[in-house]
Structures are given as C-alpha cells and as structure tokens.
C-alpha cells in the first residue's frame, strides 16, 4: 500500500512539474461582466431615479396645495437634497465600477502560472493594500496554489469598515476555503454573520447561499440548509458558473438529512461537471454516505485509478 501511495505521489509531482513548465492555459479565460456596461449603469439609474421621481412628484403635488412659503421650501428642499445625495452615490458607484473593471482586466489576462504571478504583483502595486476588490482578486489567484495564503489575504479585509454586502462576500469566500480545508466550525462562525437578504444580485445571493448551506449542513443545521437551497434552481442558466458549489452544498445537505436519492442526484450532477470534484468527498470526516456514493461514481467514471481512491480513503 505504501509503495502504491509513493508511486501515485511521484506521478502527481511529475504532473505538477509539467504543469508549471507548460505554457498552456490553466483554465479557460473567465467571462467577467463589465461593471460599466450600459445594462449595469441603466440598472443603477433606474434604482435611484424612479424613487427620486416619485419623491419629486409627491412633494411637488403637496407643495401645490399649501400656501405657507416655509412649507413649500421644505417640500422642495427634501427631494433636492435627496437628488444631491443620489448624484454623489452615482459618482461613487462609477468610481468603484472603474476600479472593478481594472481588476477584471487583470484577471482576464491570466492564462498560465506565470500570468498568475504577474497579476498578483500588479494587484499589489497598482491598488491600495486594503482595497477589497484587489484583495478578492488576489485571493482568487492564490487559491489555485495555496488556500492558506488566499485565506490570509481575505482576512485583511476589515469586516467592520467595509460595506455590509462586501463584508458578507468576504465571509463567504473565507468560509468556502475553510470548508474545503475541513474546518467546519470556522466556516459556521463566518456564515452565521451573512445576511442573504442584503444581496439582490441572483448569482451572488445563490453563491453565498450555497456556502452557508454547506456550512449549516455540516454543523448540525441540515434542515435549514435544505430549506435555503430549495429557494434556488441550480439548473437556472444564470447559475451555470456556480453550479458546482450548489451541487456540493446539495450533496452535503442531502447526506445530513439521510436523503440517499438527493445525494446521488447531486453527485451525478457534480460528476457531469468534472468527476475529479468528487475527490473532495473522499477525505476524512466526510459523511459515510457521501464517501460511499462518491467512491462508486469515481470508480465508474475512471477519472481516478481505483488504487488511488482506496489510498485516499484511508489517508
């Protein structure tokens, strides 16, 4: 057994060396949304403009019915002040969007290990040390090689000083890494601070829900996890980039409520994305049902040699 394990390790090391030397892309170039696209800007203007228009109309109507100059002035001043604040908010949003576009541009150029190193260096030099957008991007790049380093990067985001929605995303990213590392209690502590109702963008909300659900399922709140996941249709085309996370959460939630059919359905869907993702369920402390079903699918897929599956299960 030890000889077989050493052989697998040598094979993996050889493969890793080849990957480091290769100039081939590590992964397909991500399709990153443009934060300054017409659709995005139109959405911001509509969310701010329509309520402001309603306030102007209401205050104007009331002002036309009163005779007091003071009251008229107050009624006109209220929407005027709100308009100034809205303009300031739009200016701030555009600045943040430009920054996000810059970060997205850096990430979109990453195709090889060398590109990744260059991108990390650029993020460190071109952005402020505590800039959340740059820290998220750095962590995303570092995660491919060193989850602990990515976690340390995300921990630089001061959750008490950033916007609540940004703090939630930081908690979610950190919790996801803790879950991958098997540190469920740390993940649970983080997800309990996430408020899903703060997030209106469907994909962001679904991603955070998946991380929360997995943490809840693995820490004794499987029913809550199942109810949360039921609110999202993992087959929705909008959720295609985050389906693996949703399937993973569904698998854990199903396991901890004893739903064998749910386990098999989630694992098959995950396997259809990439059978190698099932390897995560072969680690220690994974629910026995999940281990058993994941092992079956891995053996059937042929993605991982049977001997490697046995060694990993006993590691």
C-alpha atoms as a PDB file:
ATOM      1  CA  UNK A   1       0.000   0.000   0.000  1.00  0.00           C
ATOM      2  CA  UNK A   2       2.806   2.408   0.934  1.00  0.00           C
ATOM      3  CA  UNK A   3       4.601   1.593  -2.312  1.00  0.00           C
ATOM      4  CA  UNK A   4       1.465   2.343  -4.297  1.00  0.00           C
ATOM      5  CA  UNK A   5       0.954   5.614  -2.469  1.00  0.00           C
ATOM      6  CA  UNK A   6       4.549   6.686  -3.161  1.00  0.00           C
ATOM      7  CA  UNK A   7       4.074   5.844  -6.823  1.00  0.00           C
ATOM      8  CA  UNK A   8       0.946   7.980  -7.004  1.00  0.00           C
ATOM      9  CA  UNK A   9       2.751  10.833  -5.261  1.00  0.00           C
ATOM     10  CA  UNK A  10       5.681  10.650  -7.702  1.00  0.00           C
ATOM     11  CA  UNK A  11       3.274  10.605 -10.627  1.00  0.00           C
ATOM     12  CA  UNK A  12       1.439  13.631  -9.270  1.00  0.00           C
ATOM     13  CA  UNK A  13       4.708  15.512  -8.672  1.00  0.00           C
ATOM     14  CA  UNK A  14       5.803  14.806 -12.229  1.00  0.00           C
ATOM     15  CA  UNK A  15       2.455  16.032 -13.495  1.00  0.00           C
ATOM     16  CA  UNK A  16       2.693  19.194 -11.384  1.00  0.00           C
ATOM     17  CA  UNK A  17       6.210  19.897 -12.696  1.00  0.00           C
ATOM     18  CA  UNK A  18       4.905  19.548 -16.210  1.00  0.00           C
ATOM     19  CA  UNK A  19       2.065  21.947 -15.473  1.00  0.00           C
ATOM     20  CA  UNK A  20       4.468  24.529 -14.092  1.00  0.00           C
ATOM     21  CA  UNK A  21       6.643  24.341 -17.184  1.00  0.00           C
ATOM     22  CA  UNK A  22       3.761  24.300 -19.590  1.00  0.00           C
ATOM     23  CA  UNK A  23       2.615  27.456 -21.280  1.00  0.00           C
ATOM     24  CA  UNK A  24      -0.860  26.094 -21.848  1.00  0.00           C
ATOM     25  CA  UNK A  25      -3.723  27.893 -20.147  1.00  0.00           C
ATOM     26  CA  UNK A  26      -4.509  26.716 -16.630  1.00  0.00           C
ATOM     27  CA  UNK A  27      -8.198  27.269 -17.212  1.00  0.00           C
ATOM     28  CA  UNK A  28     -10.491  28.910 -19.728  1.00  0.00           C
ATOM     29  CA  UNK A  29     -10.393  32.675 -19.592  1.00  0.00           C
ATOM     30  CA  UNK A  30     -13.251  33.797 -17.334  1.00  0.00           C
ATOM     31  CA  UNK A  31     -16.147  35.726 -18.800  1.00  0.00           C
ATOM     32  CA  UNK A  32     -16.135  38.729 -16.495  1.00  0.00           C
ATOM     33  CA  UNK A  33     -19.073  41.160 -16.538  1.00  0.00           C
ATOM     34  CA  UNK A  34     -18.347  44.776 -17.391  1.00  0.00           C
ATOM     35  CA  UNK A  35     -19.357  46.890 -14.366  1.00  0.00           C
ATOM     36  CA  UNK A  36     -19.623  49.956 -16.619  1.00  0.00           C
ATOM     37  CA  UNK A  37     -21.767  48.341 -19.287  1.00  0.00           C
ATOM     38  CA  UNK A  38     -24.938  50.061 -20.418  1.00  0.00           C
ATOM     39  CA  UNK A  39     -27.040  47.456 -18.644  1.00  0.00           C
ATOM     40  CA  UNK A  40     -25.251  47.943 -15.326  1.00  0.00           C
ATOM     41  CA  UNK A  41     -25.431  51.735 -15.466  1.00  0.00           C
ATOM     42  CA  UNK A  42     -29.058  51.648 -16.546  1.00  0.00           C
ATOM     43  CA  UNK A  43     -29.861  49.446 -13.570  1.00  0.00           C
ATOM     44  CA  UNK A  44     -28.226  51.892 -11.152  1.00  0.00           C
ATOM     45  CA  UNK A  45     -30.031  54.865 -12.665  1.00  0.00           C
ATOM     46  CA  UNK A  46     -33.384  53.106 -12.571  1.00  0.00           C
ATOM     47  CA  UNK A  47     -32.997  52.030  -8.947  1.00  0.00           C
ATOM     48  CA  UNK A  48     -32.171  55.599  -7.932  1.00  0.00           C
ATOM     49  CA  UNK A  49     -34.110  57.590 -10.495  1.00  0.00           C
ATOM     50  CA  UNK A  50     -37.554  56.057 -10.113  1.00  0.00           C
ATOM     51  CA  UNK A  51     -37.805  56.569  -6.329  1.00  0.00           C
ATOM     52  CA  UNK A  52     -36.447  60.107  -6.713  1.00  0.00           C
ATOM     53  CA  UNK A  53     -39.010  60.879  -9.391  1.00  0.00           C
ATOM     54  CA  UNK A  54     -41.756  59.620  -7.108  1.00  0.00           C
ATOM     55  CA  UNK A  55     -40.493  61.828  -4.252  1.00  0.00           C
ATOM     56  CA  UNK A  56     -40.339  64.876  -6.534  1.00  0.00           C
ATOM     57  CA  UNK A  57     -43.877  64.274  -7.776  1.00  0.00           C
ATOM     58  CA  UNK A  58     -45.270  63.716  -4.290  1.00  0.00           C
ATOM     59  CA  UNK A  59     -43.552  66.736  -2.748  1.00  0.00           C
ATOM     60  CA  UNK A  60     -44.433  68.890  -5.747  1.00  0.00           C
ATOM     61  CA  UNK A  61     -48.069  67.876  -5.531  1.00  0.00           C
ATOM     62  CA  UNK A  62     -48.250  68.625  -1.806  1.00  0.00           C
ATOM     63  CA  UNK A  63     -46.431  71.943  -2.311  1.00  0.00           C
ATOM     64  CA  UNK A  64     -49.047  72.977  -4.853  1.00  0.00           C
ATOM     65  CA  UNK A  65     -51.760  72.544  -2.238  1.00  0.00           C
ATOM     66  CA  UNK A  66     -50.218  74.532   0.611  1.00  0.00           C
ATOM     67  CA  UNK A  67     -49.900  78.293   0.987  1.00  0.00           C
ATOM     68  CA  UNK A  68     -47.081  78.536   3.514  1.00  0.00           C
ATOM     69  CA  UNK A  69     -43.811  79.604   1.899  1.00  0.00           C
ATOM     70  CA  UNK A  70     -41.846  77.789   4.583  1.00  0.00           C
ATOM     71  CA  UNK A  71     -43.660  74.526   3.972  1.00  0.00           C
ATOM     72  CA  UNK A  72     -43.217  74.896   0.213  1.00  0.00           C
ATOM     73  CA  UNK A  73     -39.490  75.467   0.707  1.00  0.00           C
ATOM     74  CA  UNK A  74     -39.169  72.392   2.898  1.00  0.00           C
ATOM     75  CA  UNK A  75     -41.125  70.274   0.440  1.00  0.00           C
ATOM     76  CA  UNK A  76     -38.855  71.309  -2.426  1.00  0.00           C
ATOM     77  CA  UNK A  77     -35.699  71.016  -0.314  1.00  0.00           C
ATOM     78  CA  UNK A  78     -36.356  67.385   0.608  1.00  0.00           C
ATOM     79  CA  UNK A  79     -36.177  65.949  -2.942  1.00  0.00           C
ATOM     80  CA  UNK A  80     -33.406  68.404  -3.825  1.00  0.00           C
ATOM     81  CA  UNK A  81     -31.194  67.119  -1.008  1.00  0.00           C
ATOM     82  CA  UNK A  82     -32.017  63.533  -1.923  1.00  0.00           C
ATOM     83  CA  UNK A  83     -31.071  64.269  -5.533  1.00  0.00           C
ATOM     84  CA  UNK A  84     -27.684  65.651  -4.495  1.00  0.00           C
ATOM     85  CA  UNK A  85     -27.076  62.576  -2.360  1.00  0.00           C
ATOM     86  CA  UNK A  86     -28.098  60.337  -5.242  1.00  0.00           C
ATOM     87  CA  UNK A  87     -25.685  62.093  -7.586  1.00  0.00           C
ATOM     88  CA  UNK A  88     -22.914  61.596  -5.047  1.00  0.00           C
ATOM     89  CA  UNK A  89     -23.827  57.930  -4.790  1.00  0.00           C
ATOM     90  CA  UNK A  90     -23.723  57.533  -8.571  1.00  0.00           C
ATOM     91  CA  UNK A  91     -20.289  59.178  -8.736  1.00  0.00           C
ATOM     92  CA  UNK A  92     -19.027  56.839  -6.012  1.00  0.00           C
ATOM     93  CA  UNK A  93     -20.550  53.817  -7.764  1.00  0.00           C
ATOM     94  CA  UNK A  94     -18.914  54.751 -11.070  1.00  0.00           C
ATOM     95  CA  UNK A  95     -15.533  55.076  -9.354  1.00  0.00           C
ATOM     96  CA  UNK A  96     -15.957  51.668  -7.756  1.00  0.00           C
ATOM     97  CA  UNK A  97     -17.038  50.232 -11.094  1.00  0.00           C
ATOM     98  CA  UNK A  98     -13.945  51.633 -12.808  1.00  0.00           C
ATOM     99  CA  UNK A  99     -11.810  50.023 -10.128  1.00  0.00           C
ATOM    100  CA  UNK A 100     -13.656  46.724 -10.580  1.00  0.00           C
ATOM    101  CA  UNK A 101     -13.143  46.963 -14.339  1.00  0.00           C
ATOM    102  CA  UNK A 102      -9.414  47.400 -13.783  1.00  0.00           C
ATOM    103  CA  UNK A 103      -9.282  44.329 -11.547  1.00  0.00           C
ATOM    104  CA  UNK A 104     -11.361  42.333 -14.024  1.00  0.00           C
ATOM    105  CA  UNK A 105      -8.999  43.350 -16.801  1.00  0.00           C
ATOM    106  CA  UNK A 106      -6.040  41.989 -14.852  1.00  0.00           C
ATOM    107  CA  UNK A 107      -7.795  38.694 -14.117  1.00  0.00           C
ATOM    108  CA  UNK A 108      -8.911  38.268 -17.719  1.00  0.00           C
ATOM    109  CA  UNK A 109      -5.272  38.156 -18.845  1.00  0.00           C
ATOM    110  CA  UNK A 110      -4.359  35.232 -16.581  1.00  0.00           C
ATOM    111  CA  UNK A 111      -3.849  32.031 -18.554  1.00  0.00           C
ATOM    112  CA  UNK A 112      -0.637  30.478 -17.209  1.00  0.00           C
ATOM    113  CA  UNK A 113       1.190  30.182 -13.892  1.00  0.00           C
ATOM    114  CA  UNK A 114       3.500  32.994 -14.990  1.00  0.00           C
ATOM    115  CA  UNK A 115       0.497  35.182 -15.780  1.00  0.00           C
ATOM    116  CA  UNK A 116      -0.891  34.485 -12.335  1.00  0.00           C
ATOM    117  CA  UNK A 117       2.301  35.610 -10.608  1.00  0.00           C
ATOM    118  CA  UNK A 118       2.432  38.751 -12.724  1.00  0.00           C
ATOM    119  CA  UNK A 119      -1.220  39.518 -11.977  1.00  0.00           C
ATOM    120  CA  UNK A 120      -0.692  39.151  -8.228  1.00  0.00           C
ATOM    121  CA  UNK A 121       2.268  41.508  -8.386  1.00  0.00           C
ATOM    122  CA  UNK A 122       0.258  44.036 -10.391  1.00  0.00           C
ATOM    123  CA  UNK A 123      -2.607  43.886  -7.909  1.00  0.00           C
ATOM    124  CA  UNK A 124      -0.158  44.522  -5.073  1.00  0.00           C
ATOM    125  CA  UNK A 125       1.451  47.523  -6.766  1.00  0.00           C
ATOM    126  CA  UNK A 126      -1.481  49.175  -8.577  1.00  0.00           C
ATOM    127  CA  UNK A 127      -4.046  49.113  -5.769  1.00  0.00           C
ATOM    128  CA  UNK A 128      -4.120  50.134  -2.141  1.00  0.00           C
ATOM    129  CA  UNK A 129      -3.115  47.492   0.353  1.00  0.00           C
ATOM    130  CA  UNK A 130      -6.594  47.217   1.872  1.00  0.00           C
ATOM    131  CA  UNK A 131      -8.635  47.606  -1.324  1.00  0.00           C
ATOM    132  CA  UNK A 132     -11.378  44.917  -1.155  1.00  0.00           C
ATOM    133  CA  UNK A 133     -11.641  44.425  -4.926  1.00  0.00           C
ATOM    134  CA  UNK A 134      -7.902  43.836  -5.257  1.00  0.00           C
ATOM    135  CA  UNK A 135      -7.832  41.551  -2.212  1.00  0.00           C
ATOM    136  CA  UNK A 136     -10.684  39.433  -3.588  1.00  0.00           C
ATOM    137  CA  UNK A 137      -8.853  39.122  -6.901  1.00  0.00           C
ATOM    138  CA  UNK A 138      -5.545  38.247  -5.236  1.00  0.00           C
ATOM    139  CA  UNK A 139      -7.212  35.590  -3.121  1.00  0.00           C
ATOM    140  CA  UNK A 140      -8.859  34.104  -6.199  1.00  0.00           C
ATOM    141  CA  UNK A 141      -5.465  33.738  -7.854  1.00  0.00           C
ATOM    142  CA  UNK A 142      -3.688  32.476  -4.736  1.00  0.00           C
ATOM    143  CA  UNK A 143      -6.383  29.889  -4.072  1.00  0.00           C
ATOM    144  CA  UNK A 144      -5.214  27.857  -7.063  1.00  0.00           C
ATOM    145  CA  UNK A 145      -1.875  27.174  -5.375  1.00  0.00           C
ATOM    146  CA  UNK A 146      -2.167  27.872  -1.654  1.00  0.00           C
ATOM    147  CA  UNK A 147      -5.581  28.056   0.084  1.00  0.00           C
ATOM    148  CA  UNK A 148      -3.957  29.205   3.328  1.00  0.00           C
ATOM    149  CA  UNK A 149      -2.370  32.149   1.580  1.00  0.00           C
ATOM    150  CA  UNK A 150      -5.683  33.048  -0.044  1.00  0.00           C
ATOM    151  CA  UNK A 151      -7.358  32.866   3.353  1.00  0.00           C
ATOM    152  CA  UNK A 152      -4.749  35.182   4.866  1.00  0.00           C
ATOM    153  CA  UNK A 153      -5.334  37.652   2.035  1.00  0.00           C
ATOM    154  CA  UNK A 154      -9.092  37.684   2.597  1.00  0.00           C
ATOM    155  CA  UNK A 155      -8.573  38.196   6.321  1.00  0.00           C
ATOM    156  CA  UNK A 156      -7.003  41.565   5.507  1.00  0.00           C
ATOM    157  CA  UNK A 157     -10.485  42.876   4.661  1.00  0.00           C
ATOM    158  CA  UNK A 158     -11.762  44.665   7.764  1.00  0.00           C
ATOM    159  CA  UNK A 159     -15.336  43.419   8.066  1.00  0.00           C
ATOM    160  CA  UNK A 160     -16.279  46.326  10.322  1.00  0.00           C
ATOM    161  CA  UNK A 161     -15.122  49.028   7.903  1.00  0.00           C
ATOM    162  CA  UNK A 162     -16.387  47.829   4.522  1.00  0.00           C
ATOM    163  CA  UNK A 163     -19.979  47.871   3.289  1.00  0.00           C
ATOM    164  CA  UNK A 164     -22.169  45.132   4.750  1.00  0.00           C
ATOM    165  CA  UNK A 165     -22.583  43.413   1.380  1.00  0.00           C
ATOM    166  CA  UNK A 166     -18.816  43.376   0.814  1.00  0.00           C
ATOM    167  CA  UNK A 167     -18.281  42.008   4.317  1.00  0.00           C
ATOM    168  CA  UNK A 168     -20.743  39.209   3.540  1.00  0.00           C
ATOM    169  CA  UNK A 169     -18.845  38.290   0.385  1.00  0.00           C
ATOM    170  CA  UNK A 170     -15.585  38.235   2.337  1.00  0.00           C
ATOM    171  CA  UNK A 171     -17.171  35.982   4.951  1.00  0.00           C
ATOM    172  CA  UNK A 172     -18.491  33.731   2.206  1.00  0.00           C
ATOM    173  CA  UNK A 173     -15.135  33.408   0.458  1.00  0.00           C
ATOM    174  CA  UNK A 174     -13.337  32.699   3.715  1.00  0.00           C
ATOM    175  CA  UNK A 175     -15.972  30.181   4.777  1.00  0.00           C
ATOM    176  CA  UNK A 176     -15.688  28.381   1.444  1.00  0.00           C
ATOM    177  CA  UNK A 177     -11.940  27.938   1.930  1.00  0.00           C
ATOM    178  CA  UNK A 178     -12.437  26.719   5.498  1.00  0.00           C
ATOM    179  CA  UNK A 179     -14.946  24.152   4.226  1.00  0.00           C
ATOM    180  CA  UNK A 180     -12.521  22.905   1.588  1.00  0.00           C
ATOM    181  CA  UNK A 181      -9.895  22.553   4.321  1.00  0.00           C
ATOM    182  CA  UNK A 182     -12.342  20.674   6.544  1.00  0.00           C
ATOM    183  CA  UNK A 183     -12.565  23.450   9.146  1.00  0.00           C
ATOM    184  CA  UNK A 184     -16.329  23.424   9.547  1.00  0.00           C
ATOM    185  CA  UNK A 185     -16.566  25.284  12.864  1.00  0.00           C
ATOM    186  CA  UNK A 186     -14.631  28.249  11.458  1.00  0.00           C
ATOM    187  CA  UNK A 187     -16.864  28.269   8.384  1.00  0.00           C
ATOM    188  CA  UNK A 188     -20.022  28.127  10.506  1.00  0.00           C
ATOM    189  CA  UNK A 189     -18.892  31.089  12.588  1.00  0.00           C
ATOM    190  CA  UNK A 190     -18.437  33.137   9.422  1.00  0.00           C
ATOM    191  CA  UNK A 191     -21.648  32.196   7.607  1.00  0.00           C
ATOM    192  CA  UNK A 192     -23.754  32.953  10.658  1.00  0.00           C
ATOM    193  CA  UNK A 193     -22.803  36.589  10.088  1.00  0.00           C
ATOM    194  CA  UNK A 194     -24.074  36.607   6.491  1.00  0.00           C
ATOM    195  CA  UNK A 195     -27.446  38.181   5.733  1.00  0.00           C
ATOM    196  CA  UNK A 196     -28.662  36.805   2.402  1.00  0.00           C
ATOM    197  CA  UNK A 197     -31.457  39.368   2.167  1.00  0.00           C
ATOM    198  CA  UNK A 198     -28.832  42.074   1.641  1.00  0.00           C
ATOM    199  CA  UNK A 199     -27.931  40.622  -1.754  1.00  0.00           C
ATOM    200  CA  UNK A 200     -30.261  41.232  -4.675  1.00  0.00           C
ATOM    201  CA  UNK A 201     -27.972  40.057  -7.487  1.00  0.00           C
ATOM    202  CA  UNK A 202     -29.165  36.456  -8.082  1.00  0.00           C
ATOM    203  CA  UNK A 203     -25.793  34.824  -8.698  1.00  0.00           C
ATOM    204  CA  UNK A 204     -24.121  36.432  -5.688  1.00  0.00           C
ATOM    205  CA  UNK A 205     -27.031  35.510  -3.464  1.00  0.00           C
ATOM    206  CA  UNK A 206     -27.063  31.907  -4.702  1.00  0.00           C
ATOM    207  CA  UNK A 207     -23.315  31.546  -4.228  1.00  0.00           C
ATOM    208  CA  UNK A 208     -23.472  32.817  -0.666  1.00  0.00           C
ATOM    209  CA  UNK A 209     -26.489  30.602  -0.003  1.00  0.00           C
ATOM    210  CA  UNK A 210     -24.572  27.553  -1.219  1.00  0.00           C
ATOM    211  CA  UNK A 211     -21.642  28.273   1.091  1.00  0.00           C
ATOM    212  CA  UNK A 212     -23.967  28.948   4.022  1.00  0.00           C
ATOM    213  CA  UNK A 213     -25.972  25.800   3.335  1.00  0.00           C
ATOM    214  CA  UNK A 214     -22.896  23.584   3.231  1.00  0.00           C
ATOM    215  CA  UNK A 215     -21.611  25.029   6.497  1.00  0.00           C
ATOM    216  CA  UNK A 216     -25.016  24.634   8.135  1.00  0.00           C
ATOM    217  CA  UNK A 217     -25.456  21.070   6.879  1.00  0.00           C
ATOM    218  CA  UNK A 218     -22.052  20.010   8.154  1.00  0.00           C
ATOM    219  CA  UNK A 219     -22.566  21.605  11.566  1.00  0.00           C
ATOM    220  CA  UNK A 220     -25.955  20.270  12.610  1.00  0.00           C
ATOM    221  CA  UNK A 221     -28.410  22.538  10.777  1.00  0.00           C
ATOM    222  CA  UNK A 222     -29.173  20.333   7.775  1.00  0.00           C
ATOM    223  CA  UNK A 223     -32.866  21.236   7.713  1.00  0.00           C
ATOM    224  CA  UNK A 224     -32.040  24.936   7.460  1.00  0.00           C
ATOM    225  CA  UNK A 225     -29.559  24.142   4.702  1.00  0.00           C
ATOM    226  CA  UNK A 226     -32.128  22.146   2.739  1.00  0.00           C
ATOM    227  CA  UNK A 227     -34.756  24.870   3.046  1.00  0.00           C
ATOM    228  CA  UNK A 228     -32.287  27.511   1.887  1.00  0.00           C
ATOM    229  CA  UNK A 229     -31.134  25.532  -1.145  1.00  0.00           C
ATOM    230  CA  UNK A 230     -34.746  24.868  -2.135  1.00  0.00           C
ATOM    231  CA  UNK A 231     -35.067  28.584  -2.896  1.00  0.00           C
ATOM    232  CA  UNK A 232     -32.603  28.300  -5.789  1.00  0.00           C
ATOM    233  CA  UNK A 233     -32.914  26.366  -9.039  1.00  0.00           C
ATOM    234  CA  UNK A 234     -29.417  25.067  -9.699  1.00  0.00           C
ATOM    235  CA  UNK A 235     -30.373  24.410 -13.334  1.00  0.00           C
ATOM    236  CA  UNK A 236     -31.136  28.077 -13.952  1.00  0.00           C
ATOM    237  CA  UNK A 237     -28.816  29.214 -16.792  1.00  0.00           C
ATOM    238  CA  UNK A 238     -27.831  32.249 -14.718  1.00  0.00           C
ATOM    239  CA  UNK A 239     -26.290  29.927 -12.124  1.00  0.00           C
ATOM    240  CA  UNK A 240     -24.147  27.934 -14.551  1.00  0.00           C
ATOM    241  CA  UNK A 241     -20.791  29.304 -13.248  1.00  0.00           C
ATOM    242  CA  UNK A 242     -21.669  28.412  -9.647  1.00  0.00           C
ATOM    243  CA  UNK A 243     -23.399  25.072 -10.208  1.00  0.00           C
ATOM    244  CA  UNK A 244     -20.517  23.053  -8.710  1.00  0.00           C
ATOM    245  CA  UNK A 245     -20.871  24.951  -5.434  1.00  0.00           C
ATOM    246  CA  UNK A 246     -24.646  24.459  -5.436  1.00  0.00           C
ATOM    247  CA  UNK A 247     -24.329  20.730  -6.201  1.00  0.00           C
ATOM    248  CA  UNK A 248     -21.722  20.327  -3.470  1.00  0.00           C
ATOM    249  CA  UNK A 249     -23.993  22.017  -0.935  1.00  0.00           C
ATOM    250  CA  UNK A 250     -26.941  19.891  -2.063  1.00  0.00           C
ATOM    251  CA  UNK A 251     -24.874  16.739  -1.580  1.00  0.00           C
ATOM    252  CA  UNK A 252     -23.923  17.660   1.983  1.00  0.00           C
ATOM    253  CA  UNK A 253     -27.442  18.780   2.874  1.00  0.00           C
ATOM    254  CA  UNK A 254     -28.938  15.565   1.483  1.00  0.00           C
ATOM    255  CA  UNK A 255     -26.405  13.439   3.354  1.00  0.00           C
ATOM    256  CA  UNK A 256     -27.124  15.038   6.690  1.00  0.00           C
ATOM    257  CA  UNK A 257     -30.888  14.566   6.344  1.00  0.00           C
ATOM    258  CA  UNK A 258     -30.444  10.978   5.139  1.00  0.00           C
ATOM    259  CA  UNK A 259     -31.734  11.604   1.612  1.00  0.00           C
ATOM    260  CA  UNK A 260     -29.896   8.987  -0.470  1.00  0.00           C
ATOM    261  CA  UNK A 261     -31.661   9.950  -3.700  1.00  0.00           C
ATOM    262  CA  UNK A 262     -30.700  13.568  -3.143  1.00  0.00           C
ATOM    263  CA  UNK A 263     -27.075  12.561  -2.582  1.00  0.00           C
ATOM    264  CA  UNK A 264     -26.941  10.543  -5.779  1.00  0.00           C
ATOM    265  CA  UNK A 265     -28.639  13.258  -7.802  1.00  0.00           C
ATOM    266  CA  UNK A 266     -26.267  15.971  -6.548  1.00  0.00           C
ATOM    267  CA  UNK A 267     -23.145  13.846  -7.008  1.00  0.00           C
ATOM    268  CA  UNK A 268     -24.134  12.805 -10.529  1.00  0.00           C
ATOM    269  CA  UNK A 269     -24.670  16.419 -11.482  1.00  0.00           C
ATOM    270  CA  UNK A 270     -21.335  17.356  -9.943  1.00  0.00           C
ATOM    271  CA  UNK A 271     -19.654  14.483 -11.758  1.00  0.00           C
ATOM    272  CA  UNK A 272     -21.117  15.688 -15.041  1.00  0.00           C
ATOM    273  CA  UNK A 273     -19.273  18.972 -14.473  1.00  0.00           C
ATOM    274  CA  UNK A 274     -15.968  17.306 -13.565  1.00  0.00           C
ATOM    275  CA  UNK A 275     -15.657  13.862 -11.975  1.00  0.00           C
ATOM    276  CA  UNK A 276     -12.498  14.952 -10.167  1.00  0.00           C
ATOM    277  CA  UNK A 277     -14.609  17.218  -7.955  1.00  0.00           C
ATOM    278  CA  UNK A 278     -15.907  14.084  -6.268  1.00  0.00           C
ATOM    279  CA  UNK A 279     -12.477  13.590  -4.734  1.00  0.00           C
ATOM    280  CA  UNK A 280     -13.355  16.206  -2.118  1.00  0.00           C
ATOM    281  CA  UNK A 281     -15.829  13.748  -0.593  1.00  0.00           C
ATOM    282  CA  UNK A 282     -13.151  11.095  -0.076  1.00  0.00           C
ATOM    283  CA  UNK A 283     -11.407  12.991   2.701  1.00  0.00           C
ATOM    284  CA  UNK A 284     -11.576  12.272   6.420  1.00  0.00           C
ATOM    285  CA  UNK A 285     -14.662  13.274   8.416  1.00  0.00           C
ATOM    286  CA  UNK A 286     -16.863  13.265   5.324  1.00  0.00           C
ATOM    287  CA  UNK A 287     -20.315  11.779   5.855  1.00  0.00           C
ATOM    288  CA  UNK A 288     -20.113   7.982   5.225  1.00  0.00           C
ATOM    289  CA  UNK A 289     -22.974   8.042   2.721  1.00  0.00           C
ATOM    290  CA  UNK A 290     -21.228  10.727   0.714  1.00  0.00           C
ATOM    291  CA  UNK A 291     -17.945   8.850   0.772  1.00  0.00           C
ATOM    292  CA  UNK A 292     -19.595   5.649  -0.404  1.00  0.00           C
ATOM    293  CA  UNK A 293     -21.563   7.219  -3.245  1.00  0.00           C
ATOM    294  CA  UNK A 294     -18.670   9.422  -4.362  1.00  0.00           C
ATOM    295  CA  UNK A 295     -16.377   6.396  -4.422  1.00  0.00           C
ATOM    296  CA  UNK A 296     -18.824   4.492  -6.623  1.00  0.00           C
ATOM    297  CA  UNK A 297     -19.072   7.330  -9.119  1.00  0.00           C
ATOM    298  CA  UNK A 298     -15.312   7.834  -9.191  1.00  0.00           C
ATOM    299  CA  UNK A 299     -14.750   4.160  -9.908  1.00  0.00           C
ATOM    300  CA  UNK A 300     -17.385   4.199 -12.637  1.00  0.00           C
ATOM    301  CA  UNK A 301     -16.006   7.347 -14.247  1.00  0.00           C
ATOM    302  CA  UNK A 302     -12.431   6.076 -14.398  1.00  0.00           C
ATOM    303  CA  UNK A 303     -11.225   9.610 -13.691  1.00  0.00           C
ATOM    304  CA  UNK A 304      -9.155   8.366 -10.756  1.00  0.00           C
ATOM    305  CA  UNK A 305      -7.482   4.930 -10.529  1.00  0.00           C
ATOM    306  CA  UNK A 306      -9.181   2.543  -8.106  1.00  0.00           C
ATOM    307  CA  UNK A 307      -5.989   2.156  -6.053  1.00  0.00           C
ATOM    308  CA  UNK A 308      -5.736   5.914  -5.590  1.00  0.00           C
ATOM    309  CA  UNK A 309      -9.325   6.005  -4.321  1.00  0.00           C
ATOM    310  CA  UNK A 310      -8.523   3.336  -1.732  1.00  0.00           C
ATOM    311  CA  UNK A 311      -5.363   5.118  -0.568  1.00  0.00           C
ATOM    312  CA  UNK A 312      -7.142   8.459  -0.294  1.00  0.00           C
ATOM    313  CA  UNK A 313      -9.975   6.961   1.693  1.00  0.00           C
ATOM    314  CA  UNK A 314      -7.504   5.546   4.226  1.00  0.00           C
ATOM    315  CA  UNK A 315      -5.289   8.618   4.393  1.00  0.00           C
END
